[in-house]
Amino acid sequence: MQVYLLKADTVSALQHFVDLAPLDSWIECLVTDQGGEYMSVEACEYLQSKSVEHTTMPAHTPEFNGVVERFNQMIMNMVRCLLHDSGLDHNLWGEALHTAMIIYNHLPHCVNGGKSPLHVWSGEAPLLEHIWTFGCQAHLLVPNRLCCKLDDCL
């Protein structure tokens, strides 16, 4: 699973996501709620060029898409927990969302036969050494050549 925080450029994010699909798999169908960003001529032409079927559901009817709504609720619960536990401001929700998705993608799921979504997508077991505690204190090291004698270079 991948998250894109969008303001305006939905089509390029959609193109990036579809192009990320491994060669031995493909995206067959995109289901949307008739949002205008996916109904544009550019988006429809791109999906058609990639042989991706675009299916729409009635707008403002989450009951038709229960699996996705439950997933969104679970991820947003993770975001709230990450922000609460770290003590960071709510304006960092986007960073917490990316972290929640990284955690989700690295966890094994019984639906995938005990493999993580990342393992299923890439075919390789995910590495965990780059995952740090969300909101942990970090220091930027400034090279000595850029520091004055009395500056704090950490």
N, C-alpha and C. Protein backbone atom coordinates (compact mmCIF):
# COMPACT_ATOMS: atom_id res chain seq x y z
N MET A 1 0.85 -1.17 0.00
CA MET A 1 0.00 0.00 0.00
C MET A 1 0.89 1.24 0.00
N GLN A 2 0.44 2.23 -0.71
CA GLN A 2 1.20 3.47 -0.78
C GLN A 2 0.25 4.64 -0.61
N VAL A 3 0.73 5.69 0.03
CA VAL A 3 -0.08 6.87 0.29
C VAL A 3 0.52 8.06 -0.44
N TYR A 4 -0.33 8.82 -1.09
CA TYR A 4 0.07 10.07 -1.72
C TYR A 4 -0.75 11.18 -1.08
N LEU A 5 -0.08 12.19 -0.52
CA LEU A 5 -0.78 13.36 0.01
C LEU A 5 -0.91 14.34 -1.13
N LEU A 6 -2.13 14.51 -1.61
CA LEU A 6 -2.36 15.26 -2.84
C LEU A 6 -2.97 16.63 -2.57
N LYS A 7 -2.57 17.59 -3.32
CA LYS A 7 -3.22 18.89 -3.37
C LYS A 7 -3.87 19.08 -4.72
N ALA A 8 -3.10 18.89 -5.79
CA ALA A 8 -3.64 19.17 -7.11
C ALA A 8 -3.23 18.14 -8.17
N ASP A 9 -2.06 17.57 -8.07
CA ASP A 9 -1.52 16.78 -9.16
C ASP A 9 -1.83 15.29 -9.01
N THR A 10 -3.10 14.94 -9.03
CA THR A 10 -3.53 13.58 -8.84
C THR A 10 -3.10 12.67 -9.98
N VAL A 11 -3.17 13.17 -11.20
CA VAL A 11 -2.87 12.33 -12.36
C VAL A 11 -1.42 11.87 -12.34
N SER A 12 -0.48 12.76 -12.02
CA SER A 12 0.93 12.33 -12.00
C SER A 12 1.18 11.34 -10.86
N ALA A 13 0.49 11.50 -9.72
CA ALA A 13 0.62 10.53 -8.63
C ALA A 13 0.05 9.18 -9.05
N LEU A 14 -1.06 9.19 -9.77
CA LEU A 14 -1.66 7.96 -10.28
C LEU A 14 -0.71 7.28 -11.26
N GLN A 15 -0.11 8.06 -12.15
CA GLN A 15 0.84 7.51 -13.11
C GLN A 15 2.05 6.91 -12.40
N HIS A 16 2.54 7.59 -11.38
CA HIS A 16 3.69 7.09 -10.62
C HIS A 16 3.34 5.76 -9.97
N PHE A 17 2.15 5.67 -9.37
CA PHE A 17 1.75 4.44 -8.69
C PHE A 17 1.60 3.28 -9.67
N VAL A 18 0.93 3.51 -10.79
CA VAL A 18 0.73 2.45 -11.78
C VAL A 18 2.08 2.01 -12.35
N ASP A 19 2.99 2.94 -12.57
CA ASP A 19 4.30 2.60 -13.13
C ASP A 19 5.17 1.84 -12.14
N LEU A 20 4.85 1.91 -10.84
CA LEU A 20 5.62 1.18 -9.83
C LEU A 20 5.32 -0.31 -9.82
N ALA A 21 4.22 -0.72 -10.41
CA ALA A 21 3.82 -2.12 -10.38
C ALA A 21 4.90 -2.99 -11.01
N PRO A 22 5.26 -4.09 -10.35
CA PRO A 22 6.27 -4.99 -10.92
C PRO A 22 5.82 -5.51 -12.28
N LEU A 23 6.78 -5.91 -13.11
CA LEU A 23 6.47 -6.36 -14.47
C LEU A 23 5.60 -7.61 -14.48
N ASP A 24 5.72 -8.46 -13.44
CA ASP A 24 4.95 -9.70 -13.44
C ASP A 24 3.56 -9.54 -12.83
N SER A 25 3.19 -8.32 -12.49
CA SER A 25 1.84 -8.06 -12.00
C SER A 25 1.36 -6.75 -12.59
N TRP A 26 0.09 -6.47 -12.43
CA TRP A 26 -0.46 -5.25 -12.99
C TRP A 26 -1.68 -4.84 -12.20
N ILE A 27 -2.09 -3.64 -12.41
CA ILE A 27 -3.28 -3.11 -11.77
C ILE A 27 -4.42 -3.27 -12.76
N GLU A 28 -5.42 -4.02 -12.38
CA GLU A 28 -6.52 -4.31 -13.28
C GLU A 28 -7.63 -3.28 -13.21
N CYS A 29 -7.90 -2.76 -12.00
CA CYS A 29 -9.09 -1.93 -11.82
C CYS A 29 -8.82 -0.84 -10.79
N LEU A 30 -9.34 0.34 -11.06
CA LEU A 30 -9.31 1.45 -10.11
C LEU A 30 -10.76 1.79 -9.78
N VAL A 31 -11.08 1.74 -8.48
CA VAL A 31 -12.44 2.03 -8.05
C VAL A 31 -12.40 3.37 -7.31
N THR A 32 -13.22 4.33 -7.78
CA THR A 32 -13.28 5.65 -7.16
C THR A 32 -14.72 6.03 -6.86
N ASP A 33 -14.86 7.11 -6.11
CA ASP A 33 -16.20 7.59 -5.74
C ASP A 33 -16.64 8.77 -6.62
N GLN A 34 -16.29 8.73 -7.89
CA GLN A 34 -16.62 9.76 -8.87
C GLN A 34 -15.97 11.10 -8.56
N GLY A 35 -14.84 11.06 -7.84
CA GLY A 35 -14.11 12.29 -7.57
C GLY A 35 -13.59 12.88 -8.87
N GLY A 36 -13.71 14.18 -9.01
CA GLY A 36 -13.35 14.85 -10.24
C GLY A 36 -11.91 14.64 -10.67
N GLU A 37 -11.01 14.44 -9.70
CA GLU A 37 -9.60 14.29 -10.04
C GLU A 37 -9.34 13.02 -10.84
N TYR A 38 -10.18 11.99 -10.68
CA TYR A 38 -10.00 10.76 -11.44
C TYR A 38 -10.89 10.70 -12.68
N MET A 39 -11.77 11.67 -12.85
CA MET A 39 -12.69 11.69 -13.98
C MET A 39 -12.17 12.57 -15.12
N SER A 40 -11.02 13.18 -14.95
CA SER A 40 -10.49 14.06 -15.97
C SER A 40 -10.14 13.27 -17.23
N VAL A 41 -10.10 13.97 -18.35
CA VAL A 41 -9.77 13.33 -19.63
C VAL A 41 -8.36 12.74 -19.56
N GLU A 42 -7.44 13.47 -18.97
CA GLU A 42 -6.05 13.01 -18.87
C GLU A 42 -5.96 11.71 -18.08
N ALA A 43 -6.67 11.63 -16.93
CA ALA A 43 -6.63 10.42 -16.11
C ALA A 43 -7.28 9.26 -16.84
N CYS A 44 -8.42 9.50 -17.48
CA CYS A 44 -9.12 8.43 -18.21
C CYS A 44 -8.27 7.90 -19.37
N GLU A 45 -7.62 8.79 -20.10
CA GLU A 45 -6.76 8.37 -21.21
C GLU A 45 -5.57 7.55 -20.71
N TYR A 46 -4.98 8.00 -19.58
CA TYR A 46 -3.84 7.26 -19.04
C TYR A 46 -4.27 5.86 -18.61
N LEU A 47 -5.37 5.76 -17.86
CA LEU A 47 -5.84 4.45 -17.40
C LEU A 47 -6.16 3.54 -18.59
N GLN A 48 -6.76 4.11 -19.62
CA GLN A 48 -7.08 3.33 -20.81
C GLN A 48 -5.81 2.85 -21.51
N SER A 49 -4.78 3.70 -21.55
CA SER A 49 -3.52 3.30 -22.19
C SER A 49 -2.83 2.17 -21.44
N LYS A 50 -3.08 2.06 -20.14
CA LYS A 50 -2.49 1.00 -19.32
C LYS A 50 -3.43 -0.18 -19.13
N SER A 51 -4.57 -0.16 -19.81
CA SER A 51 -5.58 -1.23 -19.72
C SER A 51 -6.09 -1.41 -18.29
N VAL A 52 -6.24 -0.30 -17.58
CA VAL A 52 -6.78 -0.32 -16.23
C VAL A 52 -8.25 0.10 -16.31
N GLU A 53 -9.13 -0.77 -15.84
CA GLU A 53 -10.56 -0.46 -15.84
C GLU A 53 -10.86 0.54 -14.72
N HIS A 54 -11.59 1.59 -15.03
CA HIS A 54 -11.97 2.59 -14.03
C HIS A 54 -13.45 2.40 -13.70
N THR A 55 -13.72 1.97 -12.48
CA THR A 55 -15.08 1.75 -12.01
C THR A 55 -15.41 2.81 -10.98
N THR A 56 -16.62 3.36 -11.08
CA THR A 56 -17.03 4.37 -10.10
C THR A 56 -18.17 3.83 -9.24
N MET A 57 -18.21 4.34 -8.02
CA MET A 57 -19.27 4.01 -7.08
C MET A 57 -20.03 5.28 -6.77
N PRO A 58 -21.22 5.16 -6.22
CA PRO A 58 -21.96 6.37 -5.84
C PRO A 58 -21.17 7.19 -4.82
N ALA A 59 -21.17 8.50 -5.01
CA ALA A 59 -20.44 9.39 -4.09
C ALA A 59 -21.12 9.41 -2.73
N HIS A 60 -20.34 9.61 -1.69
CA HIS A 60 -20.82 9.75 -0.30
C HIS A 60 -21.58 8.52 0.18
N THR A 61 -21.15 7.34 -0.25
CA THR A 61 -21.76 6.09 0.21
C THR A 61 -20.67 5.12 0.65
N PRO A 62 -20.10 5.35 1.84
CA PRO A 62 -19.00 4.49 2.30
C PRO A 62 -19.44 3.04 2.52
N GLU A 63 -20.74 2.81 2.70
CA GLU A 63 -21.19 1.44 2.92
C GLU A 63 -20.96 0.54 1.70
N PHE A 64 -20.78 1.11 0.52
CA PHE A 64 -20.48 0.33 -0.66
C PHE A 64 -19.01 -0.07 -0.72
N ASN A 65 -18.19 0.52 0.12
CA ASN A 65 -16.76 0.27 0.08
C ASN A 65 -16.25 -0.02 1.48
N GLY A 66 -16.89 -0.97 2.16
CA GLY A 66 -16.61 -1.25 3.56
C GLY A 66 -15.18 -1.65 3.85
N VAL A 67 -14.56 -2.44 2.97
CA VAL A 67 -13.19 -2.91 3.22
C VAL A 67 -12.22 -1.73 3.25
N VAL A 68 -12.36 -0.83 2.28
CA VAL A 68 -11.47 0.34 2.22
C VAL A 68 -11.74 1.28 3.38
N GLU A 69 -13.01 1.47 3.73
CA GLU A 69 -13.35 2.35 4.86
C GLU A 69 -12.77 1.81 6.16
N ARG A 70 -12.82 0.50 6.35
CA ARG A 70 -12.26 -0.12 7.56
C ARG A 70 -10.74 0.04 7.56
N PHE A 71 -10.12 -0.13 6.40
CA PHE A 71 -8.68 0.04 6.31
C PHE A 71 -8.30 1.49 6.64
N ASN A 72 -9.03 2.46 6.08
CA ASN A 72 -8.75 3.87 6.37
C ASN A 72 -8.91 4.16 7.85
N GLN A 73 -9.91 3.57 8.49
CA GLN A 73 -10.12 3.78 9.92
C GLN A 73 -8.95 3.20 10.72
N MET A 74 -8.48 2.02 10.33
CA MET A 74 -7.37 1.39 11.02
C MET A 74 -6.09 2.23 10.89
N ILE A 75 -5.82 2.71 9.67
CA ILE A 75 -4.62 3.52 9.45
C ILE A 75 -4.72 4.84 10.23
N MET A 76 -5.88 5.48 10.21
CA MET A 76 -6.01 6.75 10.94
C MET A 76 -5.91 6.53 12.45
N ASN A 77 -6.32 5.37 12.96
CA ASN A 77 -6.09 5.05 14.37
C ASN A 77 -4.59 4.95 14.65
N MET A 78 -3.85 4.35 13.73
CA MET A 78 -2.39 4.29 13.88
C MET A 78 -1.79 5.69 13.88
N VAL A 79 -2.28 6.56 13.00
CA VAL A 79 -1.78 7.94 12.92
C VAL A 79 -2.03 8.66 14.24
N ARG A 80 -3.25 8.54 14.77
CA ARG A 80 -3.57 9.19 16.05
C ARG A 80 -2.68 8.67 17.17
N CYS A 81 -2.45 7.35 17.20
CA CYS A 81 -1.59 6.77 18.23
C CYS A 81 -0.15 7.25 18.11
N LEU A 82 0.36 7.30 16.88
CA LEU A 82 1.73 7.78 16.67
C LEU A 82 1.89 9.22 17.14
N LEU A 83 0.93 10.07 16.78
CA LEU A 83 1.01 11.48 17.18
C LEU A 83 0.87 11.63 18.69
N HIS A 84 -0.06 10.89 19.28
CA HIS A 84 -0.27 10.99 20.73
C HIS A 84 0.95 10.49 21.50
N ASP A 85 1.47 9.34 21.09
CA ASP A 85 2.61 8.75 21.80
C ASP A 85 3.87 9.60 21.67
N SER A 86 4.05 10.23 20.51
CA SER A 86 5.26 11.03 20.29
C SER A 86 5.15 12.43 20.89
N GLY A 87 3.90 12.88 21.12
CA GLY A 87 3.70 14.23 21.64
C GLY A 87 3.87 15.31 20.58
N LEU A 88 3.90 14.93 19.31
CA LEU A 88 4.06 15.89 18.23
C LEU A 88 2.72 16.55 17.89
N ASP A 89 2.81 17.71 17.25
CA ASP A 89 1.61 18.45 16.86
C ASP A 89 0.84 17.70 15.78
N HIS A 90 -0.46 17.97 15.72
CA HIS A 90 -1.32 17.33 14.72
C HIS A 90 -1.01 17.79 13.30
N ASN A 91 -0.30 18.91 13.15
CA ASN A 91 0.04 19.36 11.80
C ASN A 91 1.07 18.44 11.13
N LEU A 92 1.61 17.49 11.87
CA LEU A 92 2.53 16.50 11.31
C LEU A 92 1.82 15.19 10.97
N TRP A 93 0.50 15.26 10.76
CA TRP A 93 -0.28 14.06 10.48
C TRP A 93 0.18 13.37 9.19
N GLY A 94 0.65 14.14 8.21
CA GLY A 94 1.11 13.53 6.96
C GLY A 94 2.32 12.64 7.19
N GLU A 95 3.25 13.11 8.01
CA GLU A 95 4.43 12.29 8.33
C GLU A 95 4.02 11.05 9.12
N ALA A 96 3.07 11.22 10.04
CA ALA A 96 2.57 10.07 10.80
C ALA A 96 1.87 9.08 9.88
N LEU A 97 1.15 9.59 8.89
CA LEU A 97 0.48 8.71 7.93
C LEU A 97 1.49 7.91 7.12
N HIS A 98 2.54 8.55 6.65
CA HIS A 98 3.59 7.82 5.92
C HIS A 98 4.22 6.75 6.81
N THR A 99 4.47 7.09 8.07
CA THR A 99 5.06 6.13 9.00
C THR A 99 4.11 4.96 9.25
N ALA A 100 2.82 5.26 9.41
CA ALA A 100 1.83 4.19 9.62
C ALA A 100 1.80 3.24 8.44
N MET A 101 1.91 3.78 7.23
CA MET A 101 1.90 2.93 6.04
C MET A 101 3.17 2.10 5.95
N ILE A 102 4.30 2.66 6.34
CA ILE A 102 5.55 1.89 6.35
C ILE A 102 5.43 0.72 7.33
N ILE A 103 4.89 1.00 8.51
CA ILE A 103 4.70 -0.05 9.51
C ILE A 103 3.77 -1.13 8.96
N TYR A 104 2.64 -0.71 8.42
CA TYR A 104 1.66 -1.67 7.86
C TYR A 104 2.29 -2.53 6.77
N ASN A 105 3.05 -1.91 5.89
CA ASN A 105 3.65 -2.64 4.77
C ASN A 105 4.73 -3.62 5.19
N HIS A 106 5.29 -3.43 6.38
CA HIS A 106 6.35 -4.33 6.85
C HIS A 106 5.82 -5.45 7.74
N LEU A 107 4.56 -5.38 8.18
CA LEU A 107 4.01 -6.39 9.07
C LEU A 107 3.45 -7.57 8.27
N PRO A 108 3.69 -8.79 8.74
CA PRO A 108 3.11 -9.95 8.06
C PRO A 108 1.59 -10.01 8.29
N HIS A 109 0.87 -10.50 7.29
CA HIS A 109 -0.58 -10.63 7.37
C HIS A 109 -0.97 -12.04 6.99
N CYS A 110 -1.96 -12.60 7.69
CA CYS A 110 -2.38 -13.97 7.40
C CYS A 110 -3.01 -14.07 6.01
N VAL A 111 -3.61 -12.99 5.52
CA VAL A 111 -4.20 -12.99 4.17
C VAL A 111 -3.13 -13.26 3.11
N ASN A 112 -1.91 -12.82 3.38
CA ASN A 112 -0.80 -12.99 2.45
C ASN A 112 0.03 -14.24 2.76
N GLY A 113 -0.53 -15.14 3.53
CA GLY A 113 0.23 -16.35 3.88
C GLY A 113 1.37 -16.07 4.83
N GLY A 114 1.20 -15.09 5.71
CA GLY A 114 2.24 -14.75 6.67
C GLY A 114 3.31 -13.83 6.12
N LYS A 115 3.12 -13.34 4.91
CA LYS A 115 4.07 -12.41 4.32
C LYS A 115 3.54 -10.99 4.45
N SER A 116 4.47 -10.04 4.43
CA SER A 116 4.07 -8.63 4.49
C SER A 116 3.63 -8.17 3.09
N PRO A 117 2.83 -7.10 3.01
CA PRO A 117 2.47 -6.57 1.69
C PRO A 117 3.70 -6.20 0.85
N LEU A 118 4.73 -5.69 1.51
CA LEU A 118 5.96 -5.33 0.79
C LEU A 118 6.64 -6.57 0.21
N HIS A 119 6.62 -7.66 0.96
CA HIS A 119 7.20 -8.92 0.49
C HIS A 119 6.42 -9.45 -0.71
N VAL A 120 5.10 -9.38 -0.65
CA VAL A 120 4.27 -9.85 -1.76
C VAL A 120 4.49 -8.98 -3.00
N TRP A 121 4.58 -7.66 -2.80
CA TRP A 121 4.73 -6.72 -3.92
C TRP A 121 6.08 -6.87 -4.61
N SER A 122 7.16 -6.94 -3.80
CA SER A 122 8.50 -6.93 -4.39
C SER A 122 9.11 -8.31 -4.56
N GLY A 123 8.57 -9.29 -3.84
CA GLY A 123 9.14 -10.63 -3.91
C GLY A 123 10.31 -10.84 -2.97
N GLU A 124 10.68 -9.80 -2.21
CA GLU A 124 11.80 -9.89 -1.27
C GLU A 124 11.32 -9.54 0.13
N ALA A 125 11.88 -10.21 1.12
CA ALA A 125 11.54 -9.91 2.51
C ALA A 125 12.01 -8.49 2.83
N PRO A 126 11.16 -7.69 3.50
CA PRO A 126 11.54 -6.31 3.80
C PRO A 126 12.63 -6.22 4.87
N LEU A 127 13.47 -5.21 4.74
CA LEU A 127 14.50 -4.94 5.74
C LEU A 127 13.92 -4.02 6.80
N LEU A 128 14.29 -4.23 8.04
CA LEU A 128 13.70 -3.47 9.14
C LEU A 128 14.67 -2.52 9.82
N GLU A 129 15.95 -2.54 9.42
CA GLU A 129 16.92 -1.72 10.15
C GLU A 129 16.75 -0.22 9.95
N HIS A 130 16.00 0.21 8.95
CA HIS A 130 15.82 1.65 8.73
C HIS A 130 14.60 2.21 9.47
N ILE A 131 13.87 1.37 10.19
CA ILE A 131 12.67 1.84 10.90
C ILE A 131 13.07 2.31 12.30
N TRP A 132 12.74 3.55 12.59
CA TRP A 132 13.05 4.16 13.88
C TRP A 132 11.75 4.50 14.60
N THR A 133 11.86 4.83 15.88
CA THR A 133 10.69 5.25 16.65
C THR A 133 10.19 6.57 16.10
N PHE A 134 8.88 6.65 15.84
CA PHE A 134 8.30 7.88 15.31
C PHE A 134 8.39 8.97 16.37
N GLY A 135 8.90 10.11 15.97
CA GLY A 135 9.01 11.24 16.89
C GLY A 135 10.25 11.20 17.75
N CYS A 136 11.20 10.28 17.48
CA CYS A 136 12.40 10.22 18.29
C CYS A 136 13.28 11.44 18.00
N GLN A 137 14.08 11.80 18.97
CA GLN A 137 14.94 12.96 18.82
C GLN A 137 16.04 12.64 17.80
N ALA A 138 16.27 13.57 16.90
CA ALA A 138 17.30 13.41 15.88
C ALA A 138 18.18 14.65 15.87
N HIS A 139 19.41 14.48 15.49
CA HIS A 139 20.36 15.58 15.43
C HIS A 139 20.93 15.70 14.02
N LEU A 140 21.09 16.91 13.56
CA LEU A 140 21.71 17.17 12.27
C LEU A 140 23.17 17.50 12.52
N LEU A 141 24.05 16.77 11.91
CA LEU A 141 25.49 17.00 12.07
C LEU A 141 25.95 17.93 10.95
N VAL A 142 26.44 19.09 11.32
CA VAL A 142 26.96 20.05 10.36
C VAL A 142 28.47 19.78 10.24
N PRO A 143 28.99 19.61 9.03
CA PRO A 143 30.42 19.35 8.86
C PRO A 143 31.28 20.45 9.50
N ASN A 144 32.42 20.07 10.03
CA ASN A 144 33.29 21.00 10.72
C ASN A 144 33.68 22.20 9.86
N ARG A 145 33.84 22.00 8.58
CA ARG A 145 34.26 23.10 7.72
C ARG A 145 33.19 24.19 7.61
N LEU A 146 31.95 23.86 7.96
CA LEU A 146 30.88 24.85 7.91
C LEU A 146 30.58 25.49 9.27
N CYS A 147 31.28 25.04 10.32
CA CYS A 147 31.04 25.55 11.67
C CYS A 147 32.09 26.56 12.08
N CYS A 148 31.67 27.53 12.84
CA CYS A 148 32.61 28.42 13.49
C CYS A 148 33.04 27.78 14.80
N LYS A 149 34.07 28.34 15.45
CA LYS A 149 34.62 27.74 16.65
C LYS A 149 33.61 27.56 17.78
N LEU A 150 32.72 28.51 17.95
CA LEU A 150 31.80 28.48 19.08
C LEU A 150 30.40 27.98 18.71
N ASP A 151 30.19 27.59 17.47
CA ASP A 151 28.87 27.09 17.06
C ASP A 151 28.62 25.70 17.59
N ASP A 152 27.35 25.42 17.82
CA ASP A 152 26.94 24.07 18.17
C ASP A 152 26.67 23.35 16.85
N CYS A 153 27.55 22.45 16.46
CA CYS A 153 27.45 21.82 15.15
C CYS A 153 26.60 20.55 15.16
N LEU A 154 25.92 20.29 16.24
CA LEU A 154 24.99 19.15 16.28
C LEU A 154 23.58 19.62 16.15
